């Protein structure tokens, strides 16, 4: 009935039917179609004065990056109090996340899966023809990644524009000249420019 009244409507899966897009709640579950993870900032959806278990900025950014890196969206719930005010712990965290996004949003907005493997030091995203490495576990002065199917033209710290030294052998890439310590206390971002459209390497098994 709804689709007969509005053919262009978009319907989620909350009725128990597949419909148009997935909405996993309180966990991140990538799907092979549009999806968004619905997460709370603490443990409850509505305002609960006694619920002080707010996620840290790093946890919130981790959820955002995990969704973006797998082609999904993050729906982050904030429960206002009886006066319509956003609780101060939520405000404090959202301000920091907002500042981070002003600097690093290029790695998140419109992002999808990236065709490379970064092991444990970073989570990769792809936005158009650019690749991004989002690191909550800074590797020190040298980092590496593999399964890159393109020639890497350049790499830089997204926040400062500082250029890095790139060495590449086949699908394996080393980045040198990184700061010894993470530029951002939460998540630091490296922007990678490659030749052509990002792709997986051609692998031949003999």
N, C-alpha and C. Protein backbone atom coordinates (compact mmCIF):
# COMPACT_ATOMS: atom_id res chain seq x y z
N UNK A 1 0.83 -1.20 0.00
CA UNK A 1 0.00 0.00 0.00
C UNK A 1 0.87 1.26 0.00
N UNK A 2 1.90 1.24 0.85
CA UNK A 2 2.78 2.41 0.93
C UNK A 2 3.45 2.68 -0.41
N UNK A 3 3.95 1.64 -1.04
CA UNK A 3 4.65 1.83 -2.31
C UNK A 3 3.68 2.26 -3.42
N UNK A 4 2.43 1.86 -3.32
CA UNK A 4 1.46 2.30 -4.32
C UNK A 4 1.16 3.79 -4.17
N UNK A 5 1.23 4.29 -2.92
CA UNK A 5 1.00 5.71 -2.66
C UNK A 5 2.25 6.56 -2.97
N UNK A 6 3.43 5.98 -2.74
CA UNK A 6 4.67 6.71 -2.98
C UNK A 6 5.70 5.73 -3.55
N UNK A 7 5.74 5.61 -4.88
CA UNK A 7 6.64 4.63 -5.51
C UNK A 7 8.12 4.86 -5.19
N UNK A 8 8.51 6.09 -4.88
CA UNK A 8 9.92 6.40 -4.64
C UNK A 8 10.31 6.34 -3.17
N UNK A 9 9.41 5.83 -2.33
CA UNK A 9 9.71 5.78 -0.90
C UNK A 9 10.84 4.79 -0.61
N UNK A 10 11.60 5.05 0.45
CA UNK A 10 12.66 4.15 0.90
C UNK A 10 12.23 3.59 2.26
N UNK A 11 12.22 2.27 2.38
CA UNK A 11 11.72 1.61 3.58
C UNK A 11 12.84 0.78 4.21
N UNK A 12 12.98 0.87 5.53
CA UNK A 12 14.00 0.06 6.20
C UNK A 12 13.47 -1.34 6.50
N UNK A 13 14.28 -2.14 7.19
CA UNK A 13 13.95 -3.55 7.42
C UNK A 13 13.31 -3.81 8.78
N UNK A 14 12.81 -2.77 9.46
CA UNK A 14 12.32 -2.95 10.82
C UNK A 14 10.99 -3.72 10.90
N UNK A 15 10.33 -3.90 9.79
CA UNK A 15 9.09 -4.68 9.80
C UNK A 15 9.37 -6.17 9.85
N UNK A 16 10.64 -6.55 9.69
CA UNK A 16 10.99 -7.96 9.60
C UNK A 16 11.12 -8.44 8.17
N UNK A 17 10.76 -7.56 7.20
CA UNK A 17 10.93 -7.86 5.79
C UNK A 17 12.21 -7.18 5.30
N UNK A 18 12.85 -7.72 4.27
CA UNK A 18 14.13 -7.16 3.82
C UNK A 18 14.04 -5.69 3.42
N UNK A 19 13.03 -5.33 2.64
CA UNK A 19 12.83 -3.96 2.15
C UNK A 19 14.09 -3.39 1.51
N UNK A 20 14.37 -2.07 1.74
CA UNK A 20 15.39 -1.39 0.93
C UNK A 20 16.78 -1.28 1.57
N UNK A 21 16.84 -1.16 2.90
CA UNK A 21 18.16 -1.04 3.53
C UNK A 21 18.15 -1.63 4.92
N UNK A 22 19.35 -2.07 5.35
CA UNK A 22 19.48 -2.74 6.63
C UNK A 22 19.77 -1.76 7.76
N UNK A 23 19.33 -2.11 8.97
CA UNK A 23 19.52 -1.24 10.14
C UNK A 23 19.95 -2.06 11.36
N UNK A 24 21.11 -2.69 11.34
CA UNK A 24 21.55 -3.41 12.54
C UNK A 24 21.63 -2.47 13.74
N UNK A 25 21.18 -2.93 14.90
CA UNK A 25 21.11 -2.09 16.09
C UNK A 25 22.09 -2.57 17.16
N UNK A 26 22.87 -1.62 17.67
CA UNK A 26 23.87 -1.85 18.73
C UNK A 26 24.96 -2.84 18.31
N UNK A 27 25.12 -3.02 17.02
CA UNK A 27 26.27 -3.74 16.49
C UNK A 27 26.44 -3.35 15.03
N UNK A 28 27.63 -3.53 14.51
CA UNK A 28 27.94 -3.15 13.14
C UNK A 28 28.03 -4.42 12.30
N UNK A 29 27.13 -4.52 11.33
CA UNK A 29 27.03 -5.73 10.51
C UNK A 29 26.90 -5.32 9.04
N UNK A 30 28.02 -5.27 8.31
CA UNK A 30 27.98 -4.88 6.90
C UNK A 30 27.07 -5.76 6.08
N UNK A 31 26.45 -5.17 5.07
CA UNK A 31 25.56 -5.90 4.18
C UNK A 31 25.88 -5.55 2.74
N UNK A 32 25.46 -6.40 1.82
CA UNK A 32 25.69 -6.16 0.40
C UNK A 32 24.56 -5.33 -0.20
N UNK A 33 24.21 -4.27 0.49
CA UNK A 33 23.19 -3.32 0.05
C UNK A 33 23.33 -2.12 0.98
N UNK A 34 22.60 -1.03 0.75
CA UNK A 34 22.68 0.10 1.69
C UNK A 34 22.33 -0.33 3.11
N UNK A 35 23.10 0.17 4.09
CA UNK A 35 22.86 -0.19 5.49
C UNK A 35 23.42 0.89 6.40
N UNK A 36 22.87 0.95 7.61
CA UNK A 36 23.41 1.84 8.62
C UNK A 36 23.31 1.18 9.98
N UNK A 37 24.36 1.33 10.77
CA UNK A 37 24.38 0.80 12.12
C UNK A 37 23.78 1.83 13.06
N UNK A 38 22.81 1.42 13.86
CA UNK A 38 22.12 2.31 14.79
C UNK A 38 22.70 2.11 16.18
N UNK A 39 23.41 3.10 16.68
CA UNK A 39 24.17 2.97 17.92
C UNK A 39 23.82 4.09 18.90
N UNK A 40 23.90 3.79 20.20
CA UNK A 40 23.67 4.80 21.23
C UNK A 40 25.00 5.33 21.75
N UNK A 41 24.97 6.57 22.30
CA UNK A 41 26.19 7.16 22.86
C UNK A 41 26.51 6.57 24.23
N UNK A 42 25.46 6.12 24.95
CA UNK A 42 25.69 5.40 26.21
C UNK A 42 24.99 4.05 26.09
N UNK A 43 24.19 3.64 27.07
CA UNK A 43 23.55 2.32 26.98
C UNK A 43 22.06 2.38 26.71
N UNK A 44 21.50 3.58 26.58
CA UNK A 44 20.05 3.72 26.40
C UNK A 44 19.74 4.65 25.24
N UNK A 45 18.55 4.44 24.65
CA UNK A 45 18.14 5.28 23.52
C UNK A 45 17.56 6.61 23.99
N UNK A 46 16.64 6.56 24.94
CA UNK A 46 16.10 7.80 25.47
C UNK A 46 16.97 8.33 26.59
N UNK A 47 16.59 9.49 27.13
CA UNK A 47 17.37 10.08 28.22
C UNK A 47 17.18 9.29 29.50
N UNK A 48 18.29 8.90 30.12
CA UNK A 48 18.26 8.22 31.41
C UNK A 48 19.31 8.89 32.29
N UNK A 49 18.84 9.61 33.31
CA UNK A 49 19.75 10.41 34.14
C UNK A 49 20.87 9.56 34.75
N UNK A 50 20.58 8.32 35.09
CA UNK A 50 21.56 7.48 35.76
C UNK A 50 22.53 6.78 34.82
N UNK A 51 22.31 6.90 33.51
CA UNK A 51 23.19 6.22 32.56
C UNK A 51 24.38 7.12 32.24
N UNK A 52 25.48 6.90 32.92
CA UNK A 52 26.69 7.70 32.73
C UNK A 52 27.73 6.97 31.88
N UNK A 53 27.35 5.84 31.32
CA UNK A 53 28.32 5.01 30.60
C UNK A 53 28.47 5.47 29.15
N UNK A 54 28.96 6.69 28.97
CA UNK A 54 29.12 7.24 27.63
C UNK A 54 30.36 6.66 26.94
N UNK A 55 30.21 6.40 25.66
CA UNK A 55 31.35 5.94 24.88
C UNK A 55 32.37 7.07 24.76
N UNK A 56 33.63 6.71 24.68
CA UNK A 56 34.69 7.71 24.53
C UNK A 56 34.71 8.24 23.10
N UNK A 57 35.41 9.34 22.90
CA UNK A 57 35.56 9.89 21.54
C UNK A 57 36.20 8.86 20.63
N UNK A 58 37.20 8.17 21.14
CA UNK A 58 37.88 7.16 20.32
C UNK A 58 36.92 6.03 19.94
N UNK A 59 36.06 5.61 20.85
CA UNK A 59 35.08 4.57 20.54
C UNK A 59 34.09 5.05 19.48
N UNK A 60 33.63 6.29 19.60
CA UNK A 60 32.68 6.83 18.62
C UNK A 60 33.33 6.93 17.25
N UNK A 61 34.55 7.45 17.20
CA UNK A 61 35.26 7.52 15.92
C UNK A 61 35.51 6.13 15.36
N UNK A 62 35.79 5.17 16.23
CA UNK A 62 35.99 3.80 15.78
C UNK A 62 34.75 3.24 15.11
N UNK A 63 33.58 3.51 15.68
CA UNK A 63 32.33 3.05 15.06
C UNK A 63 32.12 3.72 13.72
N UNK A 64 32.35 5.04 13.67
CA UNK A 64 32.19 5.79 12.43
C UNK A 64 33.11 5.26 11.33
N UNK A 65 34.37 5.02 11.68
CA UNK A 65 35.34 4.54 10.71
C UNK A 65 35.01 3.13 10.25
N UNK A 66 34.58 2.28 11.18
CA UNK A 66 34.23 0.91 10.82
C UNK A 66 33.07 0.89 9.82
N UNK A 67 32.08 1.75 10.05
CA UNK A 67 30.95 1.82 9.11
C UNK A 67 31.40 2.36 7.75
N UNK A 68 32.13 3.48 7.77
CA UNK A 68 32.56 4.10 6.51
C UNK A 68 33.44 3.17 5.69
N UNK A 69 34.31 2.42 6.35
CA UNK A 69 35.25 1.56 5.64
C UNK A 69 34.58 0.36 5.01
N UNK A 70 33.32 0.12 5.38
CA UNK A 70 32.60 -1.03 4.82
C UNK A 70 31.34 -0.58 4.07
N UNK A 71 31.35 0.68 3.66
CA UNK A 71 30.29 1.18 2.80
C UNK A 71 28.98 1.46 3.49
N UNK A 72 29.00 1.61 4.82
CA UNK A 72 27.77 1.85 5.56
C UNK A 72 27.70 3.24 6.16
N UNK A 73 26.62 3.49 6.87
CA UNK A 73 26.37 4.76 7.54
C UNK A 73 26.25 4.52 9.04
N UNK A 74 26.64 5.51 9.83
CA UNK A 74 26.47 5.43 11.28
C UNK A 74 25.34 6.35 11.71
N UNK A 75 24.32 5.77 12.35
CA UNK A 75 23.26 6.55 12.98
C UNK A 75 23.58 6.57 14.47
N UNK A 76 23.99 7.73 14.98
CA UNK A 76 24.41 7.86 16.37
C UNK A 76 23.32 8.57 17.16
N UNK A 77 22.75 7.86 18.13
CA UNK A 77 21.64 8.40 18.91
C UNK A 77 22.12 9.28 20.05
N UNK A 78 21.42 10.40 20.25
CA UNK A 78 21.62 11.27 21.41
C UNK A 78 20.26 11.53 22.03
N UNK A 79 20.10 11.22 23.32
CA UNK A 79 18.81 11.39 23.98
C UNK A 79 18.72 12.70 24.75
N UNK A 80 17.90 13.68 24.31
CA UNK A 80 17.75 14.94 25.06
C UNK A 80 16.97 14.73 26.34
N UNK A 81 17.21 15.59 27.34
CA UNK A 81 16.50 15.47 28.61
C UNK A 81 15.10 16.08 28.51
N UNK A 82 14.40 16.17 29.66
CA UNK A 82 13.01 16.64 29.66
C UNK A 82 12.86 18.09 29.19
N UNK A 83 13.96 18.85 29.24
CA UNK A 83 13.94 20.24 28.78
C UNK A 83 14.41 20.37 27.33
N UNK A 84 14.66 19.23 26.70
CA UNK A 84 15.12 19.26 25.31
C UNK A 84 16.60 19.55 25.17
N UNK A 85 17.34 19.47 26.26
CA UNK A 85 18.77 19.76 26.23
C UNK A 85 19.59 18.48 26.00
N UNK A 86 20.64 18.61 25.21
CA UNK A 86 21.55 17.50 25.00
C UNK A 86 22.45 17.40 26.23
N UNK A 87 22.57 16.25 26.87
CA UNK A 87 23.42 16.12 28.05
C UNK A 87 24.85 16.56 27.78
N UNK A 88 25.46 17.22 28.75
CA UNK A 88 26.80 17.77 28.56
C UNK A 88 27.84 16.72 28.17
N UNK A 89 27.82 15.50 28.75
CA UNK A 89 28.81 14.50 28.30
C UNK A 89 28.71 14.20 26.81
N UNK A 90 27.48 14.21 26.28
CA UNK A 90 27.30 13.98 24.85
C UNK A 90 27.82 15.18 24.06
N UNK A 91 27.52 16.39 24.55
CA UNK A 91 27.98 17.61 23.87
C UNK A 91 29.51 17.64 23.78
N UNK A 92 30.16 17.32 24.89
CA UNK A 92 31.63 17.33 24.92
C UNK A 92 32.20 16.38 23.86
N UNK A 93 31.65 15.20 23.76
CA UNK A 93 32.15 14.21 22.80
C UNK A 93 31.84 14.62 21.37
N UNK A 94 30.63 15.13 21.13
CA UNK A 94 30.25 15.52 19.79
C UNK A 94 31.09 16.69 19.28
N UNK A 95 31.46 17.59 20.17
CA UNK A 95 32.32 18.71 19.76
C UNK A 95 33.68 18.22 19.28
N UNK A 96 34.25 17.27 20.02
CA UNK A 96 35.56 16.73 19.62
C UNK A 96 35.44 15.97 18.31
N UNK A 97 34.38 15.17 18.17
CA UNK A 97 34.16 14.44 16.91
C UNK A 97 33.98 15.42 15.77
N UNK A 98 33.24 16.50 16.00
CA UNK A 98 33.03 17.52 14.97
C UNK A 98 34.34 18.17 14.54
N UNK A 99 35.20 18.49 15.52
CA UNK A 99 36.51 19.06 15.19
C UNK A 99 37.34 18.08 14.38
N UNK A 100 37.30 16.81 14.76
CA UNK A 100 38.03 15.79 14.01
C UNK A 100 37.51 15.70 12.58
N UNK A 101 36.18 15.75 12.41
CA UNK A 101 35.59 15.65 11.08
C UNK A 101 35.94 16.86 10.22
N UNK A 102 36.05 18.05 10.81
CA UNK A 102 36.43 19.22 10.03
C UNK A 102 37.81 19.04 9.42
N UNK A 103 38.67 18.34 10.12
CA UNK A 103 40.02 18.11 9.62
C UNK A 103 40.11 16.88 8.73
N UNK A 104 39.39 15.82 9.09
CA UNK A 104 39.57 14.52 8.45
C UNK A 104 38.35 14.00 7.71
N UNK A 105 37.32 14.83 7.56
CA UNK A 105 36.08 14.37 6.94
C UNK A 105 36.25 13.85 5.53
N UNK A 106 37.30 14.28 4.82
CA UNK A 106 37.53 13.79 3.46
C UNK A 106 37.68 12.28 3.43
N UNK A 107 38.11 11.70 4.54
CA UNK A 107 38.31 10.25 4.60
C UNK A 107 37.03 9.50 4.95
N UNK A 108 35.96 10.24 5.29
CA UNK A 108 34.71 9.63 5.77
C UNK A 108 33.54 9.87 4.83
N UNK A 109 33.31 11.13 4.45
CA UNK A 109 32.14 11.45 3.62
C UNK A 109 32.23 10.76 2.26
N UNK A 110 31.21 9.97 1.93
CA UNK A 110 31.18 9.27 0.65
C UNK A 110 32.12 8.09 0.56
N UNK A 111 32.62 7.63 1.73
CA UNK A 111 33.63 6.57 1.73
C UNK A 111 33.00 5.20 1.50
N UNK A 112 33.85 4.29 1.03
CA UNK A 112 33.46 2.90 0.85
C UNK A 112 34.69 2.03 1.08
N UNK A 113 34.56 0.75 0.76
CA UNK A 113 35.66 -0.19 0.97
C UNK A 113 36.87 0.18 0.10
N UNK A 114 38.05 -0.02 0.65
CA UNK A 114 39.28 0.27 -0.09
C UNK A 114 39.97 -1.03 -0.50
N UNK A 115 40.48 -1.10 -1.73
CA UNK A 115 41.14 -2.33 -2.20
C UNK A 115 42.59 -2.41 -1.76
N UNK A 116 42.82 -2.54 -0.46
CA UNK A 116 44.16 -2.79 0.06
C UNK A 116 44.04 -3.32 1.49
N UNK A 117 45.14 -3.86 2.00
CA UNK A 117 45.16 -4.44 3.34
C UNK A 117 46.20 -3.71 4.17
N UNK A 118 45.80 -3.23 5.36
CA UNK A 118 46.71 -2.42 6.18
C UNK A 118 47.12 -3.13 7.46
N UNK A 119 46.85 -4.40 7.57
CA UNK A 119 47.19 -5.16 8.78
C UNK A 119 46.48 -4.52 9.98
N UNK A 120 47.18 -4.18 11.04
CA UNK A 120 46.49 -3.73 12.26
C UNK A 120 46.69 -2.26 12.58
N UNK A 121 47.55 -1.55 11.84
CA UNK A 121 47.85 -0.19 12.26
C UNK A 121 46.81 0.83 11.81
N UNK A 122 45.99 0.49 10.82
CA UNK A 122 45.02 1.46 10.31
C UNK A 122 43.85 0.75 9.64
N UNK A 123 42.75 1.49 9.50
CA UNK A 123 41.59 1.03 8.74
C UNK A 123 41.54 1.83 7.45
N UNK A 124 41.47 1.18 6.27
CA UNK A 124 41.47 1.92 5.02
C UNK A 124 40.06 2.29 4.55
N UNK A 125 39.94 3.45 3.92
CA UNK A 125 38.71 3.82 3.22
C UNK A 125 39.09 4.30 1.82
N UNK A 126 38.09 4.32 0.97
CA UNK A 126 38.26 4.86 -0.37
C UNK A 126 37.19 5.91 -0.63
N UNK A 127 37.61 7.06 -1.13
CA UNK A 127 36.68 8.10 -1.55
C UNK A 127 37.09 8.52 -2.96
N UNK A 128 36.33 8.12 -3.95
CA UNK A 128 36.70 8.41 -5.33
C UNK A 128 38.00 7.72 -5.70
N UNK A 129 38.98 8.50 -6.15
CA UNK A 129 40.27 7.93 -6.54
C UNK A 129 41.32 8.07 -5.45
N UNK A 130 40.91 8.44 -4.23
CA UNK A 130 41.85 8.57 -3.12
C UNK A 130 41.64 7.45 -2.11
N UNK A 131 42.74 7.04 -1.50
CA UNK A 131 42.70 6.06 -0.42
C UNK A 131 43.15 6.74 0.87
N UNK A 132 42.57 6.31 1.99
CA UNK A 132 42.89 6.90 3.28
C UNK A 132 43.20 5.78 4.28
N UNK A 133 44.19 6.03 5.12
CA UNK A 133 44.52 5.11 6.20
C UNK A 133 44.22 5.83 7.51
N UNK A 134 43.27 5.30 8.27
CA UNK A 134 42.82 5.92 9.51
C UNK A 134 43.38 5.10 10.67
N UNK A 135 44.31 5.69 11.39
CA UNK A 135 45.09 4.95 12.37
C UNK A 135 44.81 5.38 13.80
N UNK A 136 44.29 4.43 14.59
CA UNK A 136 44.15 4.64 16.03
C UNK A 136 45.31 3.99 16.78
N UNK A 137 46.16 3.27 16.06
CA UNK A 137 47.31 2.59 16.64
C UNK A 137 48.54 2.97 15.81
N UNK A 138 49.09 4.13 16.10
CA UNK A 138 50.15 4.72 15.28
C UNK A 138 51.38 3.80 15.25
N UNK A 139 51.93 3.56 14.06
CA UNK A 139 53.02 2.59 13.92
C UNK A 139 54.41 3.15 14.20
N UNK A 140 54.52 4.45 14.40
CA UNK A 140 55.84 5.05 14.53
C UNK A 140 56.29 5.64 13.21
N UNK A 141 57.58 5.66 12.94
CA UNK A 141 58.12 6.39 11.79
C UNK A 141 57.94 5.67 10.46
N UNK A 142 57.58 4.39 10.49
CA UNK A 142 57.41 3.61 9.26
C UNK A 142 56.13 2.79 9.32
N UNK A 143 55.41 2.73 8.22
CA UNK A 143 54.20 1.91 8.13
C UNK A 143 54.19 1.20 6.79
N UNK A 144 53.48 0.10 6.71
CA UNK A 144 53.39 -0.63 5.44
C UNK A 144 51.98 -1.15 5.22
N UNK A 145 51.65 -1.35 3.96
CA UNK A 145 50.38 -2.00 3.62
C UNK A 145 50.58 -2.79 2.33
N UNK A 146 49.65 -3.69 2.07
CA UNK A 146 49.78 -4.57 0.93
C UNK A 146 48.51 -4.70 0.11
N UNK A 147 48.59 -5.51 -0.92
CA UNK A 147 47.48 -5.75 -1.84
C UNK A 147 46.99 -4.46 -2.48
N UNK A 148 47.95 -3.62 -2.83
CA UNK A 148 47.63 -2.37 -3.55
C UNK A 148 47.83 -2.63 -5.03
N UNK A 149 46.78 -2.47 -5.81
CA UNK A 149 46.85 -2.80 -7.23
C UNK A 149 47.25 -1.65 -8.13
N UNK A 150 47.67 -0.53 -7.54
CA UNK A 150 48.04 0.65 -8.31
C UNK A 150 49.44 1.12 -7.92
N UNK A 151 50.03 1.92 -8.79
CA UNK A 151 51.27 2.60 -8.41
C UNK A 151 50.91 3.78 -7.52
N UNK A 152 51.55 3.84 -6.36
CA UNK A 152 51.29 4.94 -5.42
C UNK A 152 52.09 6.16 -5.85
N UNK A 153 51.40 7.26 -6.08
CA UNK A 153 52.05 8.49 -6.54
C UNK A 153 52.54 9.34 -5.38
N UNK A 154 51.77 9.39 -4.30
CA UNK A 154 52.17 10.23 -3.16
C UNK A 154 51.38 9.82 -1.92
N UNK A 155 51.89 10.26 -0.77
CA UNK A 155 51.21 10.04 0.50
C UNK A 155 51.50 11.23 1.40
N UNK A 156 50.51 11.63 2.19
CA UNK A 156 50.69 12.77 3.08
C UNK A 156 49.80 12.63 4.30
N UNK A 157 50.17 13.33 5.37
CA UNK A 157 49.31 13.43 6.54
C UNK A 157 48.17 14.38 6.19
N UNK A 158 46.94 13.92 6.36
CA UNK A 158 45.80 14.73 5.94
C UNK A 158 45.69 16.01 6.75
N UNK A 159 45.99 15.96 8.03
CA UNK A 159 45.82 17.12 8.90
C UNK A 159 46.79 18.25 8.59
N UNK A 160 48.02 17.90 8.22
CA UNK A 160 49.06 18.91 8.05
C UNK A 160 49.54 19.07 6.62
N UNK A 161 49.27 18.09 5.77
CA UNK A 161 49.77 18.13 4.40
C UNK A 161 51.22 17.69 4.28
N UNK A 162 51.83 17.24 5.38
CA UNK A 162 53.23 16.82 5.37
C UNK A 162 53.40 15.59 4.48
N UNK A 163 54.34 15.68 3.52
CA UNK A 163 54.56 14.60 2.58
C UNK A 163 55.38 13.48 3.22
N UNK A 164 55.08 12.24 2.81
CA UNK A 164 55.79 11.07 3.31
C UNK A 164 56.60 10.44 2.18
N UNK A 165 57.61 9.68 2.55
CA UNK A 165 58.43 8.96 1.57
C UNK A 165 57.74 7.65 1.23
N UNK A 166 57.58 7.38 -0.05
CA UNK A 166 56.88 6.17 -0.51
C UNK A 166 57.86 5.22 -1.18
N UNK A 167 57.87 3.98 -0.76
CA UNK A 167 58.61 2.92 -1.43
C UNK A 167 57.62 1.81 -1.79
N UNK A 168 57.71 1.30 -3.01
CA UNK A 168 56.76 0.29 -3.45
C UNK A 168 57.47 -0.81 -4.21
N UNK A 169 57.12 -2.05 -3.89
CA UNK A 169 57.57 -3.22 -4.61
C UNK A 169 56.35 -4.07 -4.92
N UNK A 170 55.92 -4.03 -6.16
CA UNK A 170 54.70 -4.75 -6.53
C UNK A 170 53.50 -4.19 -5.80
N UNK A 171 52.80 -5.07 -5.10
CA UNK A 171 51.59 -4.63 -4.40
C UNK A 171 51.88 -4.21 -2.96
N UNK A 172 53.16 -4.22 -2.56
CA UNK A 172 53.54 -3.89 -1.18
C UNK A 172 54.10 -2.47 -1.13
N UNK A 173 53.66 -1.69 -0.13
CA UNK A 173 54.04 -0.28 -0.03
C UNK A 173 54.55 0.01 1.38
N UNK A 174 55.65 0.78 1.45
CA UNK A 174 56.17 1.25 2.73
C UNK A 174 56.10 2.77 2.75
N UNK A 175 55.64 3.31 3.86
CA UNK A 175 55.61 4.76 4.08
C UNK A 175 56.65 5.09 5.14
N UNK A 176 57.55 5.99 4.80
CA UNK A 176 58.62 6.36 5.73
C UNK A 176 58.58 7.87 5.98
N UNK A 177 59.19 8.27 7.08
CA UNK A 177 59.21 9.69 7.42
C UNK A 177 57.99 10.14 8.19
N UNK A 178 57.23 9.18 8.75
CA UNK A 178 56.09 9.54 9.59
C UNK A 178 56.60 10.12 10.92
N UNK A 179 55.80 10.94 11.58
CA UNK A 179 56.18 11.37 12.93
C UNK A 179 56.29 10.16 13.85
N UNK A 180 57.18 10.22 14.81
CA UNK A 180 57.35 9.10 15.73
C UNK A 180 56.08 8.85 16.54
N UNK A 181 55.38 9.96 16.86
CA UNK A 181 54.17 9.85 17.66
C UNK A 181 52.96 10.32 16.85
N UNK A 182 51.79 9.78 17.17
CA UNK A 182 50.57 10.06 16.41
C UNK A 182 50.26 11.56 16.39
N UNK A 183 49.98 12.12 15.22
CA UNK A 183 49.61 13.54 15.14
C UNK A 183 48.30 13.85 15.86
N UNK A 184 47.38 12.89 15.91
CA UNK A 184 46.09 13.07 16.57
C UNK A 184 45.97 12.04 17.69
N UNK A 185 45.57 12.48 18.87
CA UNK A 185 45.49 11.59 20.02
C UNK A 185 44.45 10.50 19.84
N UNK A 186 43.48 10.72 18.97
CA UNK A 186 42.42 9.72 18.75
C UNK A 186 42.66 8.89 17.49
N UNK A 187 42.56 9.52 16.33
CA UNK A 187 42.77 8.82 15.05
C UNK A 187 43.50 9.76 14.09
N UNK A 188 44.63 9.31 13.56
CA UNK A 188 45.39 10.09 12.59
C UNK A 188 45.13 9.52 11.19
N UNK A 189 45.18 10.40 10.17
CA UNK A 189 44.79 9.99 8.82
C UNK A 189 45.90 10.29 7.82
N UNK A 190 46.19 9.30 6.97
CA UNK A 190 47.13 9.44 5.86
C UNK A 190 46.34 9.37 4.56
N UNK A 191 46.58 10.30 3.66
CA UNK A 191 45.93 10.30 2.35
C UNK A 191 46.88 9.73 1.30
N UNK A 192 46.39 8.76 0.53
CA UNK A 192 47.20 8.09 -0.49
C UNK A 192 46.63 8.43 -1.87
N UNK A 193 47.50 8.89 -2.77
CA UNK A 193 47.11 9.15 -4.15
C UNK A 193 47.74 8.09 -5.03
N UNK A 194 46.91 7.43 -5.85
CA UNK A 194 47.41 6.36 -6.71
C UNK A 194 47.17 6.70 -8.17
N UNK A 195 47.85 5.96 -9.02
CA UNK A 195 47.68 6.14 -10.46
C UNK A 195 46.47 5.34 -10.92
N UNK A 196 45.50 6.01 -11.52
CA UNK A 196 44.31 5.32 -12.01
C UNK A 196 43.30 5.07 -10.91
N UNK A 197 42.30 4.28 -11.24
CA UNK A 197 41.24 3.94 -10.28
C UNK A 197 41.74 2.88 -9.31
N UNK A 198 41.56 3.09 -7.99
CA UNK A 198 42.04 2.09 -7.01
C UNK A 198 41.46 0.71 -7.30
N UNK A 199 42.33 -0.31 -7.21
CA UNK A 199 41.89 -1.66 -7.53
C UNK A 199 42.77 -2.65 -6.79
N UNK A 200 42.30 -3.90 -6.71
CA UNK A 200 43.10 -4.99 -6.19
C UNK A 200 44.15 -5.37 -7.22
N UNK A 201 45.29 -5.91 -6.79
CA UNK A 201 46.30 -6.34 -7.77
C UNK A 201 45.83 -7.57 -8.53
N UNK A 202 46.41 -7.75 -9.71
CA UNK A 202 46.12 -8.96 -10.47
C UNK A 202 46.93 -10.10 -9.86
N UNK A 203 46.26 -11.13 -9.40
CA UNK A 203 46.93 -12.26 -8.77
C UNK A 203 46.75 -13.49 -9.65
N UNK A 204 47.85 -14.15 -9.97
CA UNK A 204 47.78 -15.37 -10.80
C UNK A 204 48.34 -16.54 -9.99
N UNK A 205 47.54 -17.57 -9.85
CA UNK A 205 47.97 -18.76 -9.13
C UNK A 205 48.47 -19.80 -10.14
N UNK A 206 49.66 -20.36 -9.89
CA UNK A 206 50.22 -21.33 -10.84
C UNK A 206 50.37 -22.68 -10.16
